[in-house]
């Protein structure tokens, strides 16, 4: 019996079968490597967002120096940008430290 659901499900399952078969036979090392790759990507992306927020705050701080409310809002954006940079890059360093100590015998964090 042909239904629209099965006609869209079959190609999707066929496309995902190499990914699913790879993850079902995953070892602990490959699981941690994949997780570390995702976390590192998120840390770098959020660090980039923090840099953009910081520089937006700098631009607002300088451009609207006559308006005290906008001036203080730019200053707050710069503060939050610096705090976010510290948090995200510290998080990345801590996670890489733990991954390196967990896999010290194999030479550090495995790559995917």
PDB file of N, CA and C in Angstrom:
ATOM      1  N   UNK A   1       0.837  -1.167   0.000  1.00  0.00           N
ATOM      2  CA  UNK A   1       0.000   0.000   0.000  1.00  0.00           C
ATOM      3  C   UNK A   1       0.893   1.244   0.000  1.00  0.00           C
ATOM      4  N   UNK A   2       0.622   2.141  -0.881  1.00  0.00           N
ATOM      5  CA  UNK A   2       1.421   3.359  -1.042  1.00  0.00           C
ATOM      6  C   UNK A   2       0.753   4.524  -0.328  1.00  0.00           C
ATOM      7  N   UNK A   3       1.466   5.109   0.594  1.00  0.00           N
ATOM      8  CA  UNK A   3       0.956   6.297   1.277  1.00  0.00           C
ATOM      9  C   UNK A   3       2.020   7.380   1.190  1.00  0.00           C
ATOM     10  N   UNK A   4       1.643   8.637   1.316  1.00  0.00           N
ATOM     11  CA  UNK A   4       2.638   9.708   1.267  1.00  0.00           C
ATOM     12  C   UNK A   4       3.665   9.602   2.390  1.00  0.00           C
ATOM     13  N   UNK A   5       3.246   9.065   3.527  1.00  0.00           N
ATOM     14  CA  UNK A   5       4.172   8.937   4.648  1.00  0.00           C
ATOM     15  C   UNK A   5       5.298   7.953   4.332  1.00  0.00           C
ATOM     16  N   UNK A   6       4.960   6.810   3.746  1.00  0.00           N
ATOM     17  CA  UNK A   6       5.996   5.827   3.435  1.00  0.00           C
ATOM     18  C   UNK A   6       6.867   6.275   2.274  1.00  0.00           C
ATOM     19  N   UNK A   7       6.308   7.073   1.384  1.00  0.00           N
ATOM     20  CA  UNK A   7       7.125   7.530   0.266  1.00  0.00           C
ATOM     21  C   UNK A   7       8.156   8.553   0.706  1.00  0.00           C
ATOM     22  N   UNK A   8       7.901   9.279   1.772  1.00  0.00           N
ATOM     23  CA  UNK A   8       8.909  10.217   2.272  1.00  0.00           C
ATOM     24  C   UNK A   8       9.783   9.587   3.330  1.00  0.00           C
ATOM     25  N   UNK A   9       9.309   8.572   4.006  1.00  0.00           N
ATOM     26  CA  UNK A   9      10.081   7.929   5.059  1.00  0.00           C
ATOM     27  C   UNK A   9      11.171   7.028   4.498  1.00  0.00           C
ATOM     28  N   UNK A  10      10.890   6.342   3.409  1.00  0.00           N
ATOM     29  CA  UNK A  10      11.874   5.416   2.850  1.00  0.00           C
ATOM     30  C   UNK A  10      13.145   6.125   2.366  1.00  0.00           C
ATOM     31  N   UNK A  11      13.060   7.201   1.588  1.00  0.00           N
ATOM     32  CA  UNK A  11      14.303   7.873   1.191  1.00  0.00           C
ATOM     33  C   UNK A  11      15.051   8.485   2.372  1.00  0.00           C
ATOM     34  N   UNK A  12      14.318   8.977   3.361  1.00  0.00           N
ATOM     35  CA  UNK A  12      14.983   9.545   4.532  1.00  0.00           C
ATOM     36  C   UNK A  12      15.713   8.466   5.310  1.00  0.00           C
ATOM     37  N   UNK A  13      15.107   7.308   5.458  1.00  0.00           N
ATOM     38  CA  UNK A  13      15.771   6.208   6.159  1.00  0.00           C
ATOM     39  C   UNK A  13      16.985   5.715   5.375  1.00  0.00           C
ATOM     40  N   UNK A  14      16.880   5.688   4.066  1.00  0.00           N
ATOM     41  CA  UNK A  14      18.015   5.265   3.251  1.00  0.00           C
ATOM     42  C   UNK A  14      19.157   6.266   3.338  1.00  0.00           C
ATOM     43  N   UNK A  15      18.822   7.550   3.404  1.00  0.00           N
ATOM     44  CA  UNK A  15      19.861   8.564   3.503  1.00  0.00           C
ATOM     45  C   UNK A  15      20.525   8.555   4.865  1.00  0.00           C
ATOM     46  N   UNK A  16      19.781   8.238   5.909  1.00  0.00           N
ATOM     47  CA  UNK A  16      20.333   8.235   7.258  1.00  0.00           C
ATOM     48  C   UNK A  16      20.952   6.903   7.664  1.00  0.00           C
ATOM     49  N   UNK A  17      20.812   5.868   6.880  1.00  0.00           N
ATOM     50  CA  UNK A  17      21.304   4.559   7.283  1.00  0.00           C
ATOM     51  C   UNK A  17      22.819   4.517   7.512  1.00  0.00           C
ATOM     52  N   UNK A  18      23.663   5.179   6.699  1.00  0.00           N
ATOM     53  CA  UNK A  18      25.083   5.151   7.046  1.00  0.00           C
ATOM     54  C   UNK A  18      25.386   5.860   8.363  1.00  0.00           C
ATOM     55  N   UNK A  19      24.662   6.924   8.638  1.00  0.00           N
ATOM     56  CA  UNK A  19      24.886   7.664   9.884  1.00  0.00           C
ATOM     57  C   UNK A  19      24.419   6.833  11.062  1.00  0.00           C
ATOM     58  N   UNK A  20      23.251   6.236  10.924  1.00  0.00           N
ATOM     59  CA  UNK A  20      22.716   5.445  12.025  1.00  0.00           C
ATOM     60  C   UNK A  20      23.540   4.197  12.275  1.00  0.00           C
ATOM     61  N   UNK A  21      24.020   3.556  11.231  1.00  0.00           N
ATOM     62  CA  UNK A  21      24.831   2.356  11.431  1.00  0.00           C
ATOM     63  C   UNK A  21      26.175   2.716  12.050  1.00  0.00           C
ATOM     64  N   UNK A  22      26.683   3.909  11.744  1.00  0.00           N
ATOM     65  CA  UNK A  22      27.948   4.337  12.331  1.00  0.00           C
ATOM     66  C   UNK A  22      27.774   4.637  13.812  1.00  0.00           C
ATOM     67  N   UNK A  23      26.667   5.248  14.184  1.00  0.00           N
ATOM     68  CA  UNK A  23      26.486   5.620  15.578  1.00  0.00           C
ATOM     69  C   UNK A  23      26.067   4.436  16.441  1.00  0.00           C
ATOM     70  N   UNK A  24      25.428   3.436  15.860  1.00  0.00           N
ATOM     71  CA  UNK A  24      25.033   2.300  16.673  1.00  0.00           C
ATOM     72  C   UNK A  24      26.226   1.448  17.048  1.00  0.00           C
ATOM     73  N   UNK A  25      27.255   1.416  16.246  1.00  0.00           N
ATOM     74  CA  UNK A  25      28.441   0.648  16.579  1.00  0.00           C
ATOM     75  C   UNK A  25      29.541   1.549  17.131  1.00  0.00           C
ATOM     76  N   UNK A  26      29.155   2.685  17.674  1.00  0.00           N
ATOM     77  CA  UNK A  26      30.122   3.648  18.166  1.00  0.00           C
ATOM     78  C   UNK A  26      30.746   3.160  19.458  1.00  0.00           C
ATOM     79  N   UNK A  27      32.014   3.454  19.590  1.00  0.00           N
ATOM     80  CA  UNK A  27      32.718   3.162  20.825  1.00  0.00           C
ATOM     81  C   UNK A  27      32.641   4.386  21.722  1.00  0.00           C
ATOM     82  N   UNK A  28      33.108   4.228  22.932  1.00  0.00           N
ATOM     83  CA  UNK A  28      33.104   5.344  23.866  1.00  0.00           C
ATOM     84  C   UNK A  28      33.983   6.470  23.344  1.00  0.00           C
ATOM     85  N   UNK A  29      35.105   6.137  22.742  1.00  0.00           N
ATOM     86  CA  UNK A  29      36.024   7.147  22.226  1.00  0.00           C
ATOM     87  C   UNK A  29      35.377   7.950  21.110  1.00  0.00           C
ATOM     88  N   UNK A  30      34.720   7.294  20.188  1.00  0.00           N
ATOM     89  CA  UNK A  30      34.094   8.019  19.085  1.00  0.00           C
ATOM     90  C   UNK A  30      32.884   8.824  19.568  1.00  0.00           C
ATOM     91  N   UNK A  31      32.202   8.327  20.591  1.00  0.00           N
ATOM     92  CA  UNK A  31      31.079   9.070  21.151  1.00  0.00           C
ATOM     93  C   UNK A  31      31.562  10.364  21.811  1.00  0.00           C
ATOM     94  N   UNK A  32      32.642  10.264  22.588  1.00  0.00           N
ATOM     95  CA  UNK A  32      33.192  11.453  23.234  1.00  0.00           C
ATOM     96  C   UNK A  32      33.769  12.402  22.186  1.00  0.00           C
ATOM     97  N   UNK A  33      34.396  11.854  21.150  1.00  0.00           N
ATOM     98  CA  UNK A  33      34.953  12.697  20.090  1.00  0.00           C
ATOM     99  C   UNK A  33      33.849  13.475  19.385  1.00  0.00           C
ATOM    100  N   UNK A  34      32.755  12.830  19.075  1.00  0.00           N
ATOM    101  CA  UNK A  34      31.641  13.520  18.435  1.00  0.00           C
ATOM    102  C   UNK A  34      31.032  14.572  19.341  1.00  0.00           C
ATOM    103  N   UNK A  35      30.886  14.239  20.613  1.00  0.00           N
ATOM    104  CA  UNK A  35      30.343  15.195  21.569  1.00  0.00           C
ATOM    105  C   UNK A  35      31.277  16.392  21.727  1.00  0.00           C
ATOM    106  N   UNK A  36      32.576  16.153  21.791  1.00  0.00           N
ATOM    107  CA  UNK A  36      33.541  17.250  21.914  1.00  0.00           C
ATOM    108  C   UNK A  36      33.552  18.129  20.676  1.00  0.00           C
ATOM    109  N   UNK A  37      33.387  17.529  19.502  1.00  0.00           N
ATOM    110  CA  UNK A  37      33.320  18.327  18.276  1.00  0.00           C
ATOM    111  C   UNK A  37      32.107  19.249  18.279  1.00  0.00           C
ATOM    112  N   UNK A  38      30.968  18.739  18.725  1.00  0.00           N
ATOM    113  CA  UNK A  38      29.753  19.557  18.782  1.00  0.00           C
ATOM    114  C   UNK A  38      29.913  20.670  19.816  1.00  0.00           C
ATOM    115  N   UNK A  39      30.449  20.326  20.990  1.00  0.00           N
ATOM    116  CA  UNK A  39      30.620  21.333  22.041  1.00  0.00           C
ATOM    117  C   UNK A  39      31.624  22.389  21.607  1.00  0.00           C
ATOM    118  N   UNK A  40      32.732  21.976  20.995  1.00  0.00           N
ATOM    119  CA  UNK A  40      33.716  22.957  20.525  1.00  0.00           C
ATOM    120  C   UNK A  40      33.119  23.887  19.471  1.00  0.00           C
ATOM    121  N   UNK A  41      32.308  23.343  18.590  1.00  0.00           N
ATOM    122  CA  UNK A  41      31.651  24.172  17.585  1.00  0.00           C
ATOM    123  C   UNK A  41      30.729  25.189  18.243  1.00  0.00           C
ATOM    124  N   UNK A  42      29.949  24.735  19.227  1.00  0.00           N
ATOM    125  CA  UNK A  42      29.045  25.647  19.921  1.00  0.00           C
ATOM    126  C   UNK A  42      29.809  26.707  20.710  1.00  0.00           C
ATOM    127  N   UNK A  43      30.928  26.314  21.331  1.00  0.00           N
ATOM    128  CA  UNK A  43      31.721  27.281  22.083  1.00  0.00           C
ATOM    129  C   UNK A  43      32.271  28.351  21.152  1.00  0.00           C
ATOM    130  N   UNK A  44      32.792  27.945  20.004  1.00  0.00           N
ATOM    131  CA  UNK A  44      33.339  28.929  19.062  1.00  0.00           C
ATOM    132  C   UNK A  44      32.245  29.814  18.474  1.00  0.00           C
ATOM    133  N   UNK A  45      31.090  29.235  18.172  1.00  0.00           N
ATOM    134  CA  UNK A  45      29.986  30.040  17.645  1.00  0.00           C
ATOM    135  C   UNK A  45      29.487  31.048  18.679  1.00  0.00           C
ATOM    136  N   UNK A  46      29.316  30.605  19.904  1.00  0.00           N
ATOM    137  CA  UNK A  46      28.843  31.514  20.945  1.00  0.00           C
ATOM    138  C   UNK A  46      29.923  32.540  21.297  1.00  0.00           C
ATOM    139  N   UNK A  47      31.194  32.168  21.194  1.00  0.00           N
ATOM    140  CA  UNK A  47      32.269  33.143  21.373  1.00  0.00           C
ATOM    141  C   UNK A  47      32.230  34.202  20.289  1.00  0.00           C
ATOM    142  N   UNK A  48      31.910  33.791  19.071  1.00  0.00           N
ATOM    143  CA  UNK A  48      31.761  34.757  17.981  1.00  0.00           C
ATOM    144  C   UNK A  48      30.601  35.699  18.213  1.00  0.00           C
ATOM    145  N   UNK A  49      29.504  35.163  18.751  1.00  0.00           N
ATOM    146  CA  UNK A  49      28.361  36.014  19.082  1.00  0.00           C
ATOM    147  C   UNK A  49      28.748  36.999  20.183  1.00  0.00           C
ATOM    148  N   UNK A  50      29.523  36.539  21.160  1.00  0.00           N
ATOM    149  CA  UNK A  50      29.957  37.420  22.247  1.00  0.00           C
ATOM    150  C   UNK A  50      30.856  38.534  21.720  1.00  0.00           C
ATOM    151  N   UNK A  51      31.700  38.231  20.753  1.00  0.00           N
ATOM    152  CA  UNK A  51      32.562  39.260  20.155  1.00  0.00           C
ATOM    153  C   UNK A  51      31.719  40.294  19.418  1.00  0.00           C
ATOM    154  N   UNK A  52      30.716  39.823  18.684  1.00  0.00           N
ATOM    155  CA  UNK A  52      29.828  40.746  17.970  1.00  0.00           C
ATOM    156  C   UNK A  52      29.078  41.643  18.957  1.00  0.00           C
ATOM    157  N   UNK A  53      28.592  41.061  20.061  1.00  0.00           N
ATOM    158  CA  UNK A  53      27.886  41.849  21.075  1.00  0.00           C
ATOM    159  C   UNK A  53      28.833  42.880  21.680  1.00  0.00           C
ATOM    160  N   UNK A  54      30.070  42.470  21.960  1.00  0.00           N
ATOM    161  CA  UNK A  54      31.034  43.404  22.531  1.00  0.00           C
ATOM    162  C   UNK A  54      31.287  44.580  21.590  1.00  0.00           C
ATOM    163  N   UNK A  55      31.555  44.298  20.324  1.00  0.00           N
ATOM    164  CA  UNK A  55      31.838  45.381  19.388  1.00  0.00           C
ATOM    165  C   UNK A  55      30.601  46.226  19.074  1.00  0.00           C
ATOM    166  N   UNK A  56      29.423  45.629  19.140  1.00  0.00           N
ATOM    167  CA  UNK A  56      28.210  46.425  19.003  1.00  0.00           C
ATOM    168  C   UNK A  56      28.083  47.384  20.179  1.00  0.00           C
ATOM    169  N   UNK A  57      28.427  46.901  21.368  1.00  0.00           N
ATOM    170  CA  UNK A  57      28.418  47.766  22.540  1.00  0.00           C
ATOM    171  C   UNK A  57      29.443  48.883  22.431  1.00  0.00           C
ATOM    172  N   UNK A  58      30.630  48.575  21.884  1.00  0.00           N
ATOM    173  CA  UNK A  58      31.647  49.614  21.680  1.00  0.00           C
ATOM    174  C   UNK A  58      31.124  50.665  20.710  1.00  0.00           C
ATOM    175  N   UNK A  59      30.512  50.218  19.618  1.00  0.00           N
ATOM    176  CA  UNK A  59      29.995  51.166  18.629  1.00  0.00           C
ATOM    177  C   UNK A  59      28.895  52.031  19.233  1.00  0.00           C
ATOM    178  N   UNK A  60      28.030  51.424  19.997  1.00  0.00           N
ATOM    179  CA  UNK A  60      26.954  52.190  20.617  1.00  0.00           C
ATOM    180  C   UNK A  60      27.512  53.128  21.689  1.00  0.00           C
ATOM    181  N   UNK A  61      28.515  52.700  22.417  1.00  0.00           N
ATOM    182  CA  UNK A  61      29.138  53.515  23.456  1.00  0.00           C
ATOM    183  C   UNK A  61      29.785  54.757  22.854  1.00  0.00           C
ATOM    184  N   UNK A  62      30.462  54.584  21.723  1.00  0.00           N
ATOM    185  CA  UNK A  62      31.168  55.706  21.091  1.00  0.00           C
ATOM    186  C   UNK A  62      30.203  56.584  20.298  1.00  0.00           C
ATOM    187  N   UNK A  63      29.306  55.955  19.533  1.00  0.00           N
ATOM    188  CA  UNK A  63      28.439  56.707  18.639  1.00  0.00           C
ATOM    189  C   UNK A  63      27.416  57.554  19.380  1.00  0.00           C
ATOM    190  N   UNK A  64      26.899  57.028  20.463  1.00  0.00           N
ATOM    191  CA  UNK A  64      25.848  57.752  21.188  1.00  0.00           C
ATOM    192  C   UNK A  64      26.368  58.256  22.528  1.00  0.00           C
ATOM    193  N   UNK A  65      27.525  58.887  22.492  1.00  0.00           N
ATOM    194  CA  UNK A  65      28.120  59.356  23.742  1.00  0.00           C
ATOM    195  C   UNK A  65      27.364  60.538  24.339  1.00  0.00           C
ATOM    196  N   UNK A  66      26.566  61.239  23.567  1.00  0.00           N
ATOM    197  CA  UNK A  66      25.787  62.364  24.082  1.00  0.00           C
ATOM    198  C   UNK A  66      24.563  61.920  24.864  1.00  0.00           C
ATOM    199  N   UNK A  67      23.985  60.804  24.494  1.00  0.00           N
ATOM    200  CA  UNK A  67      22.799  60.273  25.169  1.00  0.00           C
ATOM    201  C   UNK A  67      23.252  59.360  26.308  1.00  0.00           C
ATOM    202  N   UNK A  68      22.969  59.741  27.538  1.00  0.00           N
ATOM    203  CA  UNK A  68      23.482  58.981  28.683  1.00  0.00           C
ATOM    204  C   UNK A  68      22.868  57.592  28.782  1.00  0.00           C
ATOM    205  N   UNK A  69      21.590  57.441  28.413  1.00  0.00           N
ATOM    206  CA  UNK A  69      20.957  56.121  28.482  1.00  0.00           C
ATOM    207  C   UNK A  69      21.581  55.168  27.459  1.00  0.00           C
ATOM    208  N   UNK A  70      21.726  55.597  26.223  1.00  0.00           N
ATOM    209  CA  UNK A  70      22.329  54.753  25.188  1.00  0.00           C
ATOM    210  C   UNK A  70      23.804  54.514  25.487  1.00  0.00           C
ATOM    211  N   UNK A  71      24.468  55.508  26.073  1.00  0.00           N
ATOM    212  CA  UNK A  71      25.874  55.382  26.439  1.00  0.00           C
ATOM    213  C   UNK A  71      26.045  54.283  27.498  1.00  0.00           C
ATOM    214  N   UNK A  72      25.186  54.297  28.508  1.00  0.00           N
ATOM    215  CA  UNK A  72      25.276  53.277  29.553  1.00  0.00           C
ATOM    216  C   UNK A  72      24.840  51.908  29.037  1.00  0.00           C
ATOM    217  N   UNK A  73      23.904  51.899  28.080  1.00  0.00           N
ATOM    218  CA  UNK A  73      23.492  50.624  27.497  1.00  0.00           C
ATOM    219  C   UNK A  73      24.636  50.005  26.684  1.00  0.00           C
ATOM    220  N   UNK A  74      25.385  50.824  25.964  1.00  0.00           N
ATOM    221  CA  UNK A  74      26.559  50.325  25.250  1.00  0.00           C
ATOM    222  C   UNK A  74      27.606  49.791  26.202  1.00  0.00           C
ATOM    223  N   UNK A  75      27.780  50.461  27.333  1.00  0.00           N
ATOM    224  CA  UNK A  75      28.734  50.008  28.340  1.00  0.00           C
ATOM    225  C   UNK A  75      28.311  48.652  28.913  1.00  0.00           C
ATOM    226  N   UNK A  76      27.007  48.470  29.151  1.00  0.00           N
ATOM    227  CA  UNK A  76      26.508  47.192  29.656  1.00  0.00           C
ATOM    228  C   UNK A  76      26.698  46.086  28.626  1.00  0.00           C
ATOM    229  N   UNK A  77      26.484  46.403  27.348  1.00  0.00           N
ATOM    230  CA  UNK A  77      26.717  45.402  26.297  1.00  0.00           C
ATOM    231  C   UNK A  77      28.179  45.000  26.236  1.00  0.00           C
ATOM    232  N   UNK A  78      29.078  45.964  26.411  1.00  0.00           N
ATOM    233  CA  UNK A  78      30.506  45.623  26.430  1.00  0.00           C
ATOM    234  C   UNK A  78      30.825  44.726  27.626  1.00  0.00           C
ATOM    235  N   UNK A  79      30.246  45.024  28.782  1.00  0.00           N
ATOM    236  CA  UNK A  79      30.480  44.193  29.959  1.00  0.00           C
ATOM    237  C   UNK A  79      29.969  42.773  29.747  1.00  0.00           C
ATOM    238  N   UNK A  80      28.761  42.640  29.236  1.00  0.00           N
ATOM    239  CA  UNK A  80      28.207  41.315  29.010  1.00  0.00           C
ATOM    240  C   UNK A  80      28.971  40.562  27.921  1.00  0.00           C
ATOM    241  N   UNK A  81      29.475  41.274  26.937  1.00  0.00           N
ATOM    242  CA  UNK A  81      30.290  40.627  25.908  1.00  0.00           C
ATOM    243  C   UNK A  81      31.573  40.062  26.478  1.00  0.00           C
ATOM    244  N   UNK A  82      32.232  40.815  27.354  1.00  0.00           N
ATOM    245  CA  UNK A  82      33.460  40.330  27.991  1.00  0.00           C
ATOM    246  C   UNK A  82      33.170  39.143  28.902  1.00  0.00           C
ATOM    247  N   UNK A  83      32.076  39.228  29.660  1.00  0.00           N
ATOM    248  CA  UNK A  83      31.704  38.118  30.543  1.00  0.00           C
ATOM    249  C   UNK A  83      31.400  36.860  29.731  1.00  0.00           C
ATOM    250  N   UNK A  84      30.665  37.015  28.632  1.00  0.00           N
ATOM    251  CA  UNK A  84      30.341  35.861  27.782  1.00  0.00           C
ATOM    252  C   UNK A  84      31.593  35.275  27.151  1.00  0.00           C
ATOM    253  N   UNK A  85      32.512  36.121  26.694  1.00  0.00           N
ATOM    254  CA  UNK A  85      33.777  35.613  26.153  1.00  0.00           C
ATOM    255  C   UNK A  85      34.527  34.798  27.192  1.00  0.00           C
ATOM    256  N   UNK A  86      34.619  35.313  28.390  1.00  0.00           N
ATOM    257  CA  UNK A  86      35.305  34.588  29.457  1.00  0.00           C
ATOM    258  C   UNK A  86      34.643  33.247  29.724  1.00  0.00           C
ATOM    259  N   UNK A  87      33.316  33.235  29.812  1.00  0.00           N
ATOM    260  CA  UNK A  87      32.601  32.001  30.130  1.00  0.00           C
ATOM    261  C   UNK A  87      32.774  30.960  29.032  1.00  0.00           C
ATOM    262  N   UNK A  88      32.580  31.356  27.774  1.00  0.00           N
ATOM    263  CA  UNK A  88      32.607  30.369  26.702  1.00  0.00           C
ATOM    264  C   UNK A  88      34.009  29.832  26.447  1.00  0.00           C
ATOM    265  N   UNK A  89      35.006  30.677  26.480  1.00  0.00           N
ATOM    266  CA  UNK A  89      36.343  30.168  26.238  1.00  0.00           C
ATOM    267  C   UNK A  89      36.899  29.426  27.443  1.00  0.00           C
ATOM    268  N   UNK A  90      36.466  29.774  28.642  1.00  0.00           N
ATOM    269  CA  UNK A  90      36.831  28.981  29.819  1.00  0.00           C
ATOM    270  C   UNK A  90      36.173  27.612  29.752  1.00  0.00           C
ATOM    271  N   UNK A  91      34.923  27.577  29.346  1.00  0.00           N
ATOM    272  CA  UNK A  91      34.220  26.306  29.202  1.00  0.00           C
ATOM    273  C   UNK A  91      34.922  25.416  28.174  1.00  0.00           C
ATOM    274  N   UNK A  92      35.319  25.994  27.066  1.00  0.00           N
ATOM    275  CA  UNK A  92      36.042  25.214  26.061  1.00  0.00           C
ATOM    276  C   UNK A  92      37.366  24.692  26.586  1.00  0.00           C
ATOM    277  N   UNK A  93      38.089  25.505  27.330  1.00  0.00           N
ATOM    278  CA  UNK A  93      39.362  25.062  27.900  1.00  0.00           C
ATOM    279  C   UNK A  93      39.181  23.976  28.938  1.00  0.00           C
ATOM    280  N   UNK A  94      38.171  24.114  29.783  1.00  0.00           N
ATOM    281  CA  UNK A  94      37.907  23.094  30.804  1.00  0.00           C
ATOM    282  C   UNK A  94      37.518  21.772  30.155  1.00  0.00           C
ATOM    283  N   UNK A  95      36.643  21.826  29.150  1.00  0.00           N
ATOM    284  CA  UNK A  95      36.233  20.588  28.481  1.00  0.00           C
ATOM    285  C   UNK A  95      37.400  19.931  27.753  1.00  0.00           C
ATOM    286  N   UNK A  96      38.246  20.723  27.115  1.00  0.00           N
ATOM    287  CA  UNK A  96      39.419  20.147  26.454  1.00  0.00           C
ATOM    288  C   UNK A  96      40.413  19.584  27.467  1.00  0.00           C
ATOM    289  N   UNK A  97      40.515  20.209  28.626  1.00  0.00           N
ATOM    290  CA  UNK A  97      41.379  19.675  29.685  1.00  0.00           C
ATOM    291  C   UNK A  97      40.881  18.313  30.150  1.00  0.00           C
ATOM    292  N   UNK A  98      39.570  18.206  30.418  1.00  0.00           N
ATOM    293  CA  UNK A  98      39.023  16.932  30.855  1.00  0.00           C
ATOM    294  C   UNK A  98      39.120  15.870  29.768  1.00  0.00           C
ATOM    295  N   UNK A  99      38.893  16.255  28.552  1.00  0.00           N
ATOM    296  CA  UNK A  99      39.010  15.292  27.453  1.00  0.00           C
ATOM    297  C   UNK A  99      40.453  14.836  27.310  1.00  0.00           C
ATOM    298  N   UNK A 100      41.395  15.785  27.447  1.00  0.00           N
ATOM    299  CA  UNK A 100      42.811  15.425  27.356  1.00  0.00           C
ATOM    300  C   UNK A 100      43.255  14.533  28.494  1.00  0.00           C
ATOM    301  N   UNK A 101      42.739  14.757  29.693  1.00  0.00           N
ATOM    302  CA  UNK A 101      43.113  13.905  30.816  1.00  0.00           C
ATOM    303  C   UNK A 101      42.398  12.561  30.754  1.00  0.00           C
ATOM    304  N   UNK A 102      41.209  12.528  30.168  1.00  0.00           N
ATOM    305  CA  UNK A 102      40.482  11.272  30.029  1.00  0.00           C
ATOM    306  C   UNK A 102      41.140  10.359  29.006  1.00  0.00           C
ATOM    307  N   UNK A 103      41.676  10.952  27.945  1.00  0.00           N
ATOM    308  CA  UNK A 103      42.304  10.171  26.885  1.00  0.00           C
ATOM    309  C   UNK A 103      43.810  10.431  26.840  1.00  0.00           C
ATOM    310  N   UNK A 104      44.449  10.581  27.988  1.00  0.00           N
ATOM    311  CA  UNK A 104      45.868  10.901  28.035  1.00  0.00           C
ATOM    312  C   UNK A 104      46.734   9.797  27.446  1.00  0.00           C
ATOM    313  N   UNK A 105      46.332   8.550  27.623  1.00  0.00           N
ATOM    314  CA  UNK A 105      47.129   7.439  27.125  1.00  0.00           C
ATOM    315  C   UNK A 105      47.112   7.336  25.606  1.00  0.00           C
ATOM    316  N   UNK A 106      46.035   7.831  24.999  1.00  0.00           N
ATOM    317  CA  UNK A 106      45.939   7.732  23.537  1.00  0.00           C
ATOM    318  C   UNK A 106      46.391   9.011  22.847  1.00  0.00           C
ATOM    319  N   UNK A 107      46.930   9.966  23.593  1.00  0.00           N
ATOM    320  CA  UNK A 107      47.478  11.174  22.984  1.00  0.00           C
ATOM    321  C   UNK A 107      46.550  12.371  22.991  1.00  0.00           C
ATOM    322  N   UNK A 108      45.544  12.378  23.854  1.00  0.00           N
ATOM    323  CA  UNK A 108      44.660  13.527  23.937  1.00  0.00           C
ATOM    324  C   UNK A 108      43.293  13.258  23.349  1.00  0.00           C
ATOM    325  N   UNK A 109      42.565  14.336  23.114  1.00  0.00           N
ATOM    326  CA  UNK A 109      41.201  14.214  22.609  1.00  0.00           C
ATOM    327  C   UNK A 109      41.198  13.608  21.214  1.00  0.00           C
ATOM    328  N   UNK A 110      40.376  12.597  21.000  1.00  0.00           N
ATOM    329  CA  UNK A 110      40.279  12.027  19.657  1.00  0.00           C
ATOM    330  C   UNK A 110      39.472  12.942  18.755  1.00  0.00           C
ATOM    331  N   UNK A 111      39.812  12.948  17.504  1.00  0.00           N
ATOM    332  CA  UNK A 111      39.013  13.667  16.505  1.00  0.00           C
ATOM    333  C   UNK A 111      38.020  12.699  15.920  1.00  0.00           C
ATOM    334  N   UNK A 112      36.964  13.246  15.371  1.00  0.00           N
ATOM    335  CA  UNK A 112      35.933  12.372  14.812  1.00  0.00           C
ATOM    336  C   UNK A 112      36.515  11.619  13.641  1.00  0.00           C
TER     337      UNK A 112
END
